[in-house]
PDB file of N, CA and C in Angstrom:
ATOM      1  N   SER A   1       0.841  -1.184   0.000  1.00  0.00           N
ATOM      2  CA  SER A   1       0.000   0.000   0.000  1.00  0.00           C
ATOM      3  C   SER A   1       0.882   1.243   0.000  1.00  0.00           C
ATOM      4  N   VAL A   2       0.337   2.322  -0.547  1.00  0.00           N
ATOM      5  CA  VAL A   2       1.023   3.606  -0.590  1.00  0.00           C
ATOM      6  C   VAL A   2       0.091   4.672  -0.037  1.00  0.00           C
ATOM      7  N   ALA A   3       0.669   5.721   0.521  1.00  0.00           N
ATOM      8  CA  ALA A   3      -0.123   6.800   1.098  1.00  0.00           C
ATOM      9  C   ALA A   3       0.551   8.137   0.829  1.00  0.00           C
ATOM     10  N   ALA A   4      -0.247   9.191   0.868  1.00  0.00           N
ATOM     11  CA  ALA A   4       0.281  10.541   0.698  1.00  0.00           C
ATOM     12  C   ALA A   4      -0.594  11.522   1.458  1.00  0.00           C
ATOM     13  N   ARG A   5       0.004  12.635   1.787  1.00  0.00           N
ATOM     14  CA  ARG A   5      -0.714  13.752   2.409  1.00  0.00           C
ATOM     15  C   ARG A   5      -0.094  15.001   1.815  1.00  0.00           C
ATOM     16  N   GLY A   6      -0.896  15.890   1.278  1.00  0.00           N
ATOM     17  CA  GLY A   6      -0.320  17.064   0.640  1.00  0.00           C
ATOM     18  C   GLY A   6      -1.328  18.143   0.337  1.00  0.00           C
ATOM     19  N   THR A   7      -0.883  19.075  -0.487  1.00  0.00           N
ATOM     20  CA  THR A   7      -1.695  20.218  -0.874  1.00  0.00           C
ATOM     21  C   THR A   7      -1.495  20.468  -2.367  1.00  0.00           C
ATOM     22  N   THR A   8      -2.585  20.747  -3.055  1.00  0.00           N
ATOM     23  CA  THR A   8      -2.527  21.168  -4.451  1.00  0.00           C
ATOM     24  C   THR A   8      -3.251  22.502  -4.560  1.00  0.00           C
ATOM     25  N   GLU A   9      -3.366  23.017  -5.759  1.00  0.00           N
ATOM     26  CA  GLU A   9      -4.108  24.260  -5.958  1.00  0.00           C
ATOM     27  C   GLU A   9      -5.595  24.089  -5.626  1.00  0.00           C
ATOM     28  N   PHE A  10      -6.048  22.823  -5.511  1.00  0.00           N
ATOM     29  CA  PHE A  10      -7.446  22.546  -5.184  1.00  0.00           C
ATOM     30  C   PHE A  10      -7.675  22.424  -3.677  1.00  0.00           C
ATOM     31  N   GLY A  11      -6.594  22.259  -2.904  1.00  0.00           N
ATOM     32  CA  GLY A  11      -6.715  22.158  -1.457  1.00  0.00           C
ATOM     33  C   GLY A  11      -5.891  21.029  -0.867  1.00  0.00           C
ATOM     34  N   ASP A  12      -6.053  20.821   0.442  1.00  0.00           N
ATOM     35  CA  ASP A  12      -5.354  19.738   1.148  1.00  0.00           C
ATOM     36  C   ASP A  12      -5.983  18.389   0.790  1.00  0.00           C
ATOM     37  N   PHE A  13      -5.160  17.342   0.806  1.00  0.00           N
ATOM     38  CA  PHE A  13      -5.671  16.012   0.482  1.00  0.00           C
ATOM     39  C   PHE A  13      -4.940  14.941   1.266  1.00  0.00           C
ATOM     40  N   VAL A  14      -5.569  13.777   1.351  1.00  0.00           N
ATOM     41  CA  VAL A  14      -4.957  12.537   1.802  1.00  0.00           C
ATOM     42  C   VAL A  14      -5.239  11.502   0.713  1.00  0.00           C
ATOM     43  N   SER A  15      -4.297  10.593   0.503  1.00  0.00           N
ATOM     44  CA  SER A  15      -4.467   9.558  -0.522  1.00  0.00           C
ATOM     45  C   SER A  15      -4.035   8.211   0.020  1.00  0.00           C
ATOM     46  N   LEU A  16      -4.704   7.174  -0.442  1.00  0.00           N
ATOM     47  CA  LEU A  16      -4.331   5.789  -0.156  1.00  0.00           C
ATOM     48  C   LEU A  16      -4.456   4.991  -1.436  1.00  0.00           C
ATOM     49  N   GLY A  17      -3.592   4.020  -1.602  1.00  0.00           N
ATOM     50  CA  GLY A  17      -3.682   3.210  -2.800  1.00  0.00           C
ATOM     51  C   GLY A  17      -2.791   1.991  -2.749  1.00  0.00           C
ATOM     52  N   LYS A  18      -2.606   1.409  -3.913  1.00  0.00           N
ATOM     53  CA  LYS A  18      -1.871   0.154  -4.031  1.00  0.00           C
ATOM     54  C   LYS A  18      -0.983   0.228  -5.270  1.00  0.00           C
ATOM     55  N   LEU A  19       0.246  -0.221  -5.105  1.00  0.00           N
ATOM     56  CA  LEU A  19       1.169  -0.343  -6.227  1.00  0.00           C
ATOM     57  C   LEU A  19       1.256  -1.821  -6.566  1.00  0.00           C
ATOM     58  N   HIS A  20       0.814  -2.186  -7.765  1.00  0.00           N
ATOM     59  CA  HIS A  20       0.799  -3.580  -8.197  1.00  0.00           C
ATOM     60  C   HIS A  20       2.076  -3.892  -8.969  1.00  0.00           C
ATOM     61  N   ASP A  21       2.666  -5.006  -8.631  1.00  0.00           N
ATOM     62  CA  ASP A  21       3.887  -5.460  -9.282  1.00  0.00           C
ATOM     63  C   ASP A  21       3.615  -5.688 -10.761  1.00  0.00           C
ATOM     64  N   GLY A  22       4.529  -5.276 -11.581  1.00  0.00           N
ATOM     65  CA  GLY A  22       4.341  -5.392 -13.014  1.00  0.00           C
ATOM     66  C   GLY A  22       4.599  -6.763 -13.592  1.00  0.00           C
ATOM     67  N   ALA A  23       5.149  -7.687 -12.812  1.00  0.00           N
ATOM     68  CA  ALA A  23       5.491  -9.005 -13.344  1.00  0.00           C
ATOM     69  C   ALA A  23       4.284  -9.711 -13.939  1.00  0.00           C
ATOM     70  N   SER A  24       3.121  -9.577 -13.310  1.00  0.00           N
ATOM     71  CA  SER A  24       1.930 -10.268 -13.805  1.00  0.00           C
ATOM     72  C   SER A  24       1.184  -9.449 -14.853  1.00  0.00           C
ATOM     73  N   GLN A  25       1.691  -8.250 -15.170  1.00  0.00           N
ATOM     74  CA  GLN A  25       1.003  -7.368 -16.116  1.00  0.00           C
ATOM     75  C   GLN A  25       1.914  -6.979 -17.278  1.00  0.00           C
ATOM     76  N   GLY A  26       2.676  -7.913 -17.745  1.00  0.00           N
ATOM     77  CA  GLY A  26       3.541  -7.654 -18.888  1.00  0.00           C
ATOM     78  C   GLY A  26       4.679  -6.693 -18.583  1.00  0.00           C
ATOM     79  N   GLY A  27       5.090  -6.612 -17.328  1.00  0.00           N
ATOM     80  CA  GLY A  27       6.193  -5.737 -16.965  1.00  0.00           C
ATOM     81  C   GLY A  27       5.800  -4.335 -16.553  1.00  0.00           C
ATOM     82  N   TYR A  28       4.529  -3.982 -16.673  1.00  0.00           N
ATOM     83  CA  TYR A  28       4.069  -2.651 -16.304  1.00  0.00           C
ATOM     84  C   TYR A  28       3.531  -2.644 -14.881  1.00  0.00           C
ATOM     85  N   GLN A  29       3.965  -1.678 -14.106  1.00  0.00           N
ATOM     86  CA  GLN A  29       3.423  -1.511 -12.768  1.00  0.00           C
ATOM     87  C   GLN A  29       2.178  -0.631 -12.846  1.00  0.00           C
ATOM     88  N   THR A  30       1.230  -0.878 -11.944  1.00  0.00           N
ATOM     89  CA  THR A  30       0.001  -0.108 -11.903  1.00  0.00           C
ATOM     90  C   THR A  30      -0.150   0.513 -10.525  1.00  0.00           C
ATOM     91  N   LEU A  31      -0.391   1.801 -10.478  1.00  0.00           N
ATOM     92  CA  LEU A  31      -0.634   2.509  -9.236  1.00  0.00           C
ATOM     93  C   LEU A  31      -2.081   2.976  -9.233  1.00  0.00           C
ATOM     94  N   THR A  32      -2.835   2.544  -8.223  1.00  0.00           N
ATOM     95  CA  THR A  32      -4.231   2.953  -8.069  1.00  0.00           C
ATOM     96  C   THR A  32      -4.341   3.741  -6.774  1.00  0.00           C
ATOM     97  N   LEU A  33      -4.850   4.963  -6.851  1.00  0.00           N
ATOM     98  CA  LEU A  33      -4.967   5.829  -5.680  1.00  0.00           C
ATOM     99  C   LEU A  33      -6.383   6.361  -5.530  1.00  0.00           C
ATOM    100  N   ALA A  34      -6.771   6.541  -4.272  1.00  0.00           N
ATOM    101  CA  ALA A  34      -7.987   7.285  -3.956  1.00  0.00           C
ATOM    102  C   ALA A  34      -7.528   8.545  -3.246  1.00  0.00           C
ATOM    103  N   ARG A  35      -7.860   9.684  -3.786  1.00  0.00           N
ATOM    104  CA  ARG A  35      -7.489  10.953  -3.166  1.00  0.00           C
ATOM    105  C   ARG A  35      -8.749  11.591  -2.601  1.00  0.00           C
ATOM    106  N   ARG A  36      -8.643  12.003  -1.356  1.00  0.00           N
ATOM    107  CA  ARG A  36      -9.748  12.673  -0.681  1.00  0.00           C
ATOM    108  C   ARG A  36      -9.319  14.097  -0.355  1.00  0.00           C
ATOM    109  N   TYR A  37      -9.995  15.070  -0.939  1.00  0.00           N
ATOM    110  CA  TYR A  37      -9.731  16.457  -0.567  1.00  0.00           C
ATOM    111  C   TYR A  37     -10.435  16.722   0.751  1.00  0.00           C
ATOM    112  N   ILE A  38      -9.743  17.415   1.643  1.00  0.00           N
ATOM    113  CA  ILE A  38     -10.238  17.581   3.003  1.00  0.00           C
ATOM    114  C   ILE A  38     -10.372  19.059   3.362  1.00  0.00           C
ATOM    115  N   ALA A  39     -11.433  19.368   4.091  1.00  0.00           N
ATOM    116  CA  ALA A  39     -11.702  20.737   4.532  1.00  0.00           C
ATOM    117  C   ALA A  39     -10.814  21.096   5.720  1.00  0.00           C
ATOM    118  N   ASP A  40     -10.716  22.367   6.008  1.00  0.00           N
ATOM    119  CA  ASP A  40      -9.877  22.835   7.116  1.00  0.00           C
ATOM    120  C   ASP A  40     -10.236  22.183   8.446  1.00  0.00           C
ATOM    121  N   GLY A  41     -11.497  21.937   8.713  1.00  0.00           N
ATOM    122  CA  GLY A  41     -11.920  21.354   9.983  1.00  0.00           C
ATOM    123  C   GLY A  41     -11.893  19.839  10.035  1.00  0.00           C
ATOM    124  N   ASP A  42     -11.508  19.191   8.947  1.00  0.00           N
ATOM    125  CA  ASP A  42     -11.480  17.726   8.882  1.00  0.00           C
ATOM    126  C   ASP A  42     -10.360  17.204   9.778  1.00  0.00           C
ATOM    127  N   PRO A  43     -10.629  16.177  10.605  1.00  0.00           N
ATOM    128  CA  PRO A  43      -9.584  15.663  11.490  1.00  0.00           C
ATOM    129  C   PRO A  43      -8.387  15.063  10.746  1.00  0.00           C
ATOM    130  N   ARG A  44      -8.551  14.747   9.479  1.00  0.00           N
ATOM    131  CA  ARG A  44      -7.444  14.177   8.708  1.00  0.00           C
ATOM    132  C   ARG A  44      -6.381  15.214   8.350  1.00  0.00           C
ATOM    133  N   THR A  45      -6.674  16.505   8.580  1.00  0.00           N
ATOM    134  CA  THR A  45      -5.662  17.528   8.303  1.00  0.00           C
ATOM    135  C   THR A  45      -4.441  17.355   9.198  1.00  0.00           C
ATOM    136  N   ALA A  46      -4.612  16.719  10.345  1.00  0.00           N
ATOM    137  CA  ALA A  46      -3.491  16.495  11.272  1.00  0.00           C
ATOM    138  C   ALA A  46      -2.675  15.250  10.906  1.00  0.00           C
ATOM    139  N   MET A  47      -3.119  14.478   9.918  1.00  0.00           N
ATOM    140  CA  MET A  47      -2.423  13.250   9.548  1.00  0.00           C
ATOM    141  C   MET A  47      -1.249  13.543   8.618  1.00  0.00           C
ATOM    142  N   ASN A  48      -0.219  12.696   8.708  1.00  0.00           N
ATOM    143  CA  ASN A  48       0.851  12.710   7.724  1.00  0.00           C
ATOM    144  C   ASN A  48       0.744  11.406   6.928  1.00  0.00           C
ATOM    145  N   ALA A  49       1.609  11.207   5.949  1.00  0.00           N
ATOM    146  CA  ALA A  49       1.517  10.001   5.110  1.00  0.00           C
ATOM    147  C   ALA A  49       1.646   8.729   5.925  1.00  0.00           C
ATOM    148  N   THR A  50       2.492   8.733   6.954  1.00  0.00           N
ATOM    149  CA  THR A  50       2.670   7.542   7.788  1.00  0.00           C
ATOM    150  C   THR A  50       1.396   7.196   8.531  1.00  0.00           C
ATOM    151  N   SER A  51       0.715   8.183   9.079  1.00  0.00           N
ATOM    152  CA  SER A  51      -0.523   7.895   9.815  1.00  0.00           C
ATOM    153  C   SER A  51      -1.658   7.505   8.873  1.00  0.00           C
ATOM    154  N   VAL A  52      -1.642   8.016   7.651  1.00  0.00           N
ATOM    155  CA  VAL A  52      -2.632   7.591   6.655  1.00  0.00           C
ATOM    156  C   VAL A  52      -2.409   6.118   6.330  1.00  0.00           C
ATOM    157  N   LEU A  53      -1.158   5.744   6.097  1.00  0.00           N
ATOM    158  CA  LEU A  53      -0.831   4.358   5.770  1.00  0.00           C
ATOM    159  C   LEU A  53      -1.146   3.417   6.924  1.00  0.00           C
ATOM    160  N   ALA A  54      -1.004   3.894   8.142  1.00  0.00           N
ATOM    161  CA  ALA A  54      -1.300   3.059   9.317  1.00  0.00           C
ATOM    162  C   ALA A  54      -2.763   2.634   9.354  1.00  0.00           C
ATOM    163  N   ARG A  55      -3.643   3.373   8.694  1.00  0.00           N
ATOM    164  CA  ARG A  55      -5.063   2.984   8.636  1.00  0.00           C
ATOM    165  C   ARG A  55      -5.215   1.634   7.944  1.00  0.00           C
ATOM    166  N   VAL A  56      -4.342   1.318   7.017  1.00  0.00           N
ATOM    167  CA  VAL A  56      -4.416   0.060   6.272  1.00  0.00           C
ATOM    168  C   VAL A  56      -3.594  -1.026   6.946  1.00  0.00           C
ATOM    169  N   GLU A  57      -2.483  -0.647   7.515  1.00  0.00           N
ATOM    170  CA  GLU A  57      -1.570  -1.633   8.062  1.00  0.00           C
ATOM    171  C   GLU A  57      -1.963  -2.144   9.441  1.00  0.00           C
ATOM    172  N   ALA A  58      -3.025  -1.603  10.019  1.00  0.00           N
ATOM    173  CA  ALA A  58      -3.498  -2.106  11.308  1.00  0.00           C
ATOM    174  C   ALA A  58      -3.870  -3.573  11.159  1.00  0.00           C
ATOM    175  N   GLU A  59      -3.600  -4.358  12.176  1.00  0.00           N
ATOM    176  CA  GLU A  59      -3.847  -5.800  12.106  1.00  0.00           C
ATOM    177  C   GLU A  59      -5.300  -6.139  11.811  1.00  0.00           C
ATOM    178  N   ASP A  60      -6.225  -5.308  12.286  1.00  0.00           N
ATOM    179  CA  ASP A  60      -7.641  -5.618  12.100  1.00  0.00           C
ATOM    180  C   ASP A  60      -8.233  -4.962  10.856  1.00  0.00           C
ATOM    181  N   SER A  61      -7.403  -4.393  10.001  1.00  0.00           N
ATOM    182  CA  SER A  61      -7.916  -3.703   8.823  1.00  0.00           C
ATOM    183  C   SER A  61      -8.450  -4.699   7.794  1.00  0.00           C
ATOM    184  N   PHE A  62      -9.611  -4.400   7.276  1.00  0.00           N
ATOM    185  CA  PHE A  62     -10.222  -5.203   6.216  1.00  0.00           C
ATOM    186  C   PHE A  62      -9.777  -4.700   4.849  1.00  0.00           C
ATOM    187  N   ALA A  63      -9.018  -3.629   4.823  1.00  0.00           N
ATOM    188  CA  ALA A  63      -8.742  -2.924   3.578  1.00  0.00           C
ATOM    189  C   ALA A  63      -7.403  -3.278   2.939  1.00  0.00           C
ATOM    190  N   GLY A  64      -6.806  -4.395   3.299  1.00  0.00           N
ATOM    191  CA  GLY A  64      -5.505  -4.753   2.758  1.00  0.00           C
ATOM    192  C   GLY A  64      -5.446  -4.790   1.244  1.00  0.00           C
ATOM    193  N   GLU A  65      -6.430  -5.390   0.605  1.00  0.00           N
ATOM    194  CA  GLU A  65      -6.446  -5.471  -0.854  1.00  0.00           C
ATOM    195  C   GLU A  65      -7.028  -4.225  -1.507  1.00  0.00           C
ATOM    196  N   HIS A  66      -7.831  -3.486  -0.778  1.00  0.00           N
ATOM    197  CA  HIS A  66      -8.486  -2.284  -1.292  1.00  0.00           C
ATOM    198  C   HIS A  66      -8.280  -1.149  -0.285  1.00  0.00           C
ATOM    199  N   PRO A  67      -7.064  -0.617  -0.198  1.00  0.00           N
ATOM    200  CA  PRO A  67      -6.730   0.320   0.866  1.00  0.00           C
ATOM    201  C   PRO A  67      -7.586   1.573   0.890  1.00  0.00           C
ATOM    202  N   TRP A  68      -8.118   1.992  -0.247  1.00  0.00           N
ATOM    203  CA  TRP A  68      -8.932   3.200  -0.278  1.00  0.00           C
ATOM    204  C   TRP A  68     -10.185   3.061   0.581  1.00  0.00           C
ATOM    205  N   LEU A  69     -10.581   1.820   0.921  1.00  0.00           N
ATOM    206  CA  LEU A  69     -11.735   1.634   1.797  1.00  0.00           C
ATOM    207  C   LEU A  69     -11.466   2.144   3.209  1.00  0.00           C
ATOM    208  N   ALA A  70     -10.195   2.266   3.586  1.00  0.00           N
ATOM    209  CA  ALA A  70      -9.834   2.751   4.923  1.00  0.00           C
ATOM    210  C   ALA A  70      -9.810   4.271   4.990  1.00  0.00           C
ATOM    211  N   LEU A  71     -10.127   4.923   3.879  1.00  0.00           N
ATOM    212  CA  LEU A  71     -10.092   6.382   3.820  1.00  0.00           C
ATOM    213  C   LEU A  71     -11.432   6.871   3.259  1.00  0.00           C
ATOM    214  N   PRO A  72     -12.461   6.926   4.093  1.00  0.00           N
ATOM    215  CA  PRO A  72     -13.789   7.283   3.584  1.00  0.00           C
ATOM    216  C   PRO A  72     -13.839   8.726   3.085  1.00  0.00           C
ATOM    217  N   TRP A  73     -14.748   8.992   2.163  1.00  0.00           N
ATOM    218  CA  TRP A  73     -14.874  10.363   1.657  1.00  0.00           C
ATOM    219  C   TRP A  73     -15.497  11.270   2.707  1.00  0.00           C
ATOM    220  N   LYS A  74     -16.239  10.685   3.633  1.00  0.00           N
ATOM    221  CA  LYS A  74     -16.871  11.441   4.715  1.00  0.00           C
ATOM    222  C   LYS A  74     -16.449  10.797   6.035  1.00  0.00           C
ATOM    223  N   VAL A  75     -15.894  11.592   6.942  1.00  0.00           N
ATOM    224  CA  VAL A  75     -15.361  11.057   8.195  1.00  0.00           C
ATOM    225  C   VAL A  75     -16.513  10.769   9.165  1.00  0.00           C
ATOM    226  N   PRO A  76     -16.600   9.524   9.667  1.00  0.00           N
ATOM    227  CA  PRO A  76     -17.657   9.192  10.631  1.00  0.00           C
ATOM    228  C   PRO A  76     -17.370   9.840  11.992  1.00  0.00           C
ATOM    229  N   SER A  77     -18.390   9.957  12.808  1.00  0.00           N
ATOM    230  CA  SER A  77     -18.238  10.578  14.128  1.00  0.00           C
ATOM    231  C   SER A  77     -17.304   9.782  15.027  1.00  0.00           C
ATOM    232  N   SER A  78     -17.088   8.498  14.737  1.00  0.00           N
ATOM    233  CA  SER A  78     -16.222   7.650  15.545  1.00  0.00           C
ATOM    234  C   SER A  78     -14.737   7.771  15.170  1.00  0.00           C
ATOM    235  N   TRP A  79     -14.405   8.603  14.204  1.00  0.00           N
ATOM    236  CA  TRP A  79     -13.023   8.760  13.736  1.00  0.00           C
ATOM    237  C   TRP A  79     -12.127   9.148  14.893  1.00  0.00           C
ATOM    238  N   PRO A  80     -10.963   8.609  15.087  1.00  0.00           N
ATOM    239  CA  PRO A  80     -10.187   7.734  14.205  1.00  0.00           C
ATOM    240  C   PRO A  80     -10.321   6.250  14.521  1.00  0.00           C
ATOM    241  N   ALA A  81     -11.386   5.845  15.177  1.00  0.00           N
ATOM    242  CA  ALA A  81     -11.602   4.417  15.460  1.00  0.00           C
ATOM    243  C   ALA A  81     -11.623   3.637  14.145  1.00  0.00           C
ATOM    244  N   PRO A  82     -11.271   2.343  14.178  1.00  0.00           N
ATOM    245  CA  PRO A  82     -11.333   1.531  12.951  1.00  0.00           C
ATOM    246  C   PRO A  82     -12.723   1.596  12.332  1.00  0.00           C
ATOM    247  N   LEU A  83     -12.762   1.603  11.029  1.00  0.00           N
ATOM    248  CA  LEU A  83     -14.032   1.674  10.313  1.00  0.00           C
ATOM    249  C   LEU A  83     -14.710   0.311  10.280  1.00  0.00           C
ATOM    250  N   PRO A  84     -16.030   0.307  10.238  1.00  0.00           N
ATOM    251  CA  PRO A  84     -16.721  -0.983  10.104  1.00  0.00           C
ATOM    252  C   PRO A  84     -16.477  -1.567   8.712  1.00  0.00           C
ATOM    253  N   VAL A  85     -16.518  -2.857   8.611  1.00  0.00           N
ATOM    254  CA  VAL A  85     -16.364  -3.518   7.316  1.00  0.00           C
ATOM    255  C   VAL A  85     -17.570  -3.153   6.449  1.00  0.00           C
ATOM    256  N   PRO A  86     -17.329  -2.674   5.222  1.00  0.00           N
ATOM    257  CA  PRO A  86     -18.447  -2.317   4.353  1.00  0.00           C
ATOM    258  C   PRO A  86     -19.372  -3.503   4.113  1.00  0.00           C
ATOM    259  N   GLU A  87     -20.655  -3.232   4.151  1.00  0.00           N
ATOM    260  CA  GLU A  87     -21.658  -4.278   3.951  1.00  0.00           C
ATOM    261  C   GLU A  87     -21.447  -4.954   2.599  1.00  0.00           C
ATOM    262  N   GLY A  88     -21.424  -6.268   2.606  1.00  0.00           N
ATOM    263  CA  GLY A  88     -21.286  -7.046   1.383  1.00  0.00           C
ATOM    264  C   GLY A  88     -19.865  -7.283   0.927  1.00  0.00           C
ATOM    265  N   LEU A  89     -18.864  -6.705   1.603  1.00  0.00           N
ATOM    266  CA  LEU A  89     -17.479  -6.860   1.151  1.00  0.00           C
ATOM    267  C   LEU A  89     -17.057  -8.318   1.131  1.00  0.00           C
ATOM    268  N   TYR A  90     -17.281  -9.024   2.220  1.00  0.00           N
ATOM    269  CA  TYR A  90     -16.838 -10.414   2.283  1.00  0.00           C
ATOM    270  C   TYR A  90     -17.735 -11.340   1.476  1.00  0.00           C
ATOM    271  N   GLU A  91     -19.007 -11.021   1.354  1.00  0.00           N
ATOM    272  CA  GLU A  91     -19.896 -11.852   0.542  1.00  0.00           C
ATOM    273  C   GLU A  91     -19.475 -11.790  -0.916  1.00  0.00           C
ATOM    274  N   THR A  92     -19.110 -10.583  -1.393  1.00  0.00           N
ATOM    275  CA  THR A  92     -18.666 -10.423  -2.774  1.00  0.00           C
ATOM    276  C   THR A  92     -17.372 -11.189  -3.005  1.00  0.00           C
ATOM    277  N   THR A  93     -16.441 -11.090  -2.057  1.00  0.00           N
ATOM    278  CA  THR A  93     -15.170 -11.800  -2.174  1.00  0.00           C
ATOM    279  C   THR A  93     -15.391 -13.303  -2.158  1.00  0.00           C
ATOM    280  N   ALA A  94     -16.231 -13.780  -1.254  1.00  0.00           N
ATOM    281  CA  ALA A  94     -16.509 -15.215  -1.166  1.00  0.00           C
ATOM    282  C   ALA A  94     -17.155 -15.704  -2.452  1.00  0.00           C
ATOM    283  N   HIS A  95     -18.066 -14.918  -3.012  1.00  0.00           N
ATOM    284  CA  HIS A  95     -18.732 -15.301  -4.266  1.00  0.00           C
ATOM    285  C   HIS A  95     -17.723 -15.385  -5.395  1.00  0.00           C
ATOM    286  N   ALA A  96     -16.813 -14.422  -5.459  1.00  0.00           N
ATOM    287  CA  ALA A  96     -15.797 -14.427  -6.517  1.00  0.00           C
ATOM    288  C   ALA A  96     -14.885 -15.640  -6.377  1.00  0.00           C
ATOM    289  N   ASP A  97     -14.577 -16.025  -5.152  1.00  0.00           N
ATOM    290  CA  ASP A  97     -13.713 -17.185  -4.940  1.00  0.00           C
ATOM    291  C   ASP A  97     -14.387 -18.482  -5.373  1.00  0.00           C
ATOM    292  N   THR A  98     -15.674 -18.597  -5.152  1.00  0.00           N
ATOM    293  CA  THR A  98     -16.380 -19.826  -5.512  1.00  0.00           C
ATOM    294  C   THR A  98     -16.753 -19.871  -6.989  1.00  0.00           C
ATOM    295  N   ALA A  99     -16.744 -18.712  -7.645  1.00  0.00           N
ATOM    296  CA  ALA A  99     -17.140 -18.674  -9.041  1.00  0.00           C
ATOM    297  C   ALA A  99     -16.041 -19.160  -9.979  1.00  0.00           C
ATOM    298  N   GLN A 100     -14.827 -19.305  -9.473  1.00  0.00           N
ATOM    299  CA  GLN A 100     -13.715 -19.704 -10.343  1.00  0.00           C
ATOM    300  C   GLN A 100     -13.733 -21.156 -10.666  1.00  0.00           C
TER     301      GLN A 100
END
């Protein structure tokens, strides 16, 4: 997983994503990121890239394969507590595993 925290001309942001090894994709690496622009009062403004990445690397994180799930577009009132597993996440994964 990869993470970033920064500022652009559009405002402050936090990003989470995944860098996929290119060996299985004809030698090309793929970087997929979710960038969330954050308002001045958003609690994520105090985060740095390391603390953003820690959202995924926590032992109880469900977001290992899809790290952007650990960075919601809207911060819940329970923040920074671990996020609940999105409804249907494991059912979809289980279905995909059995469909092969």
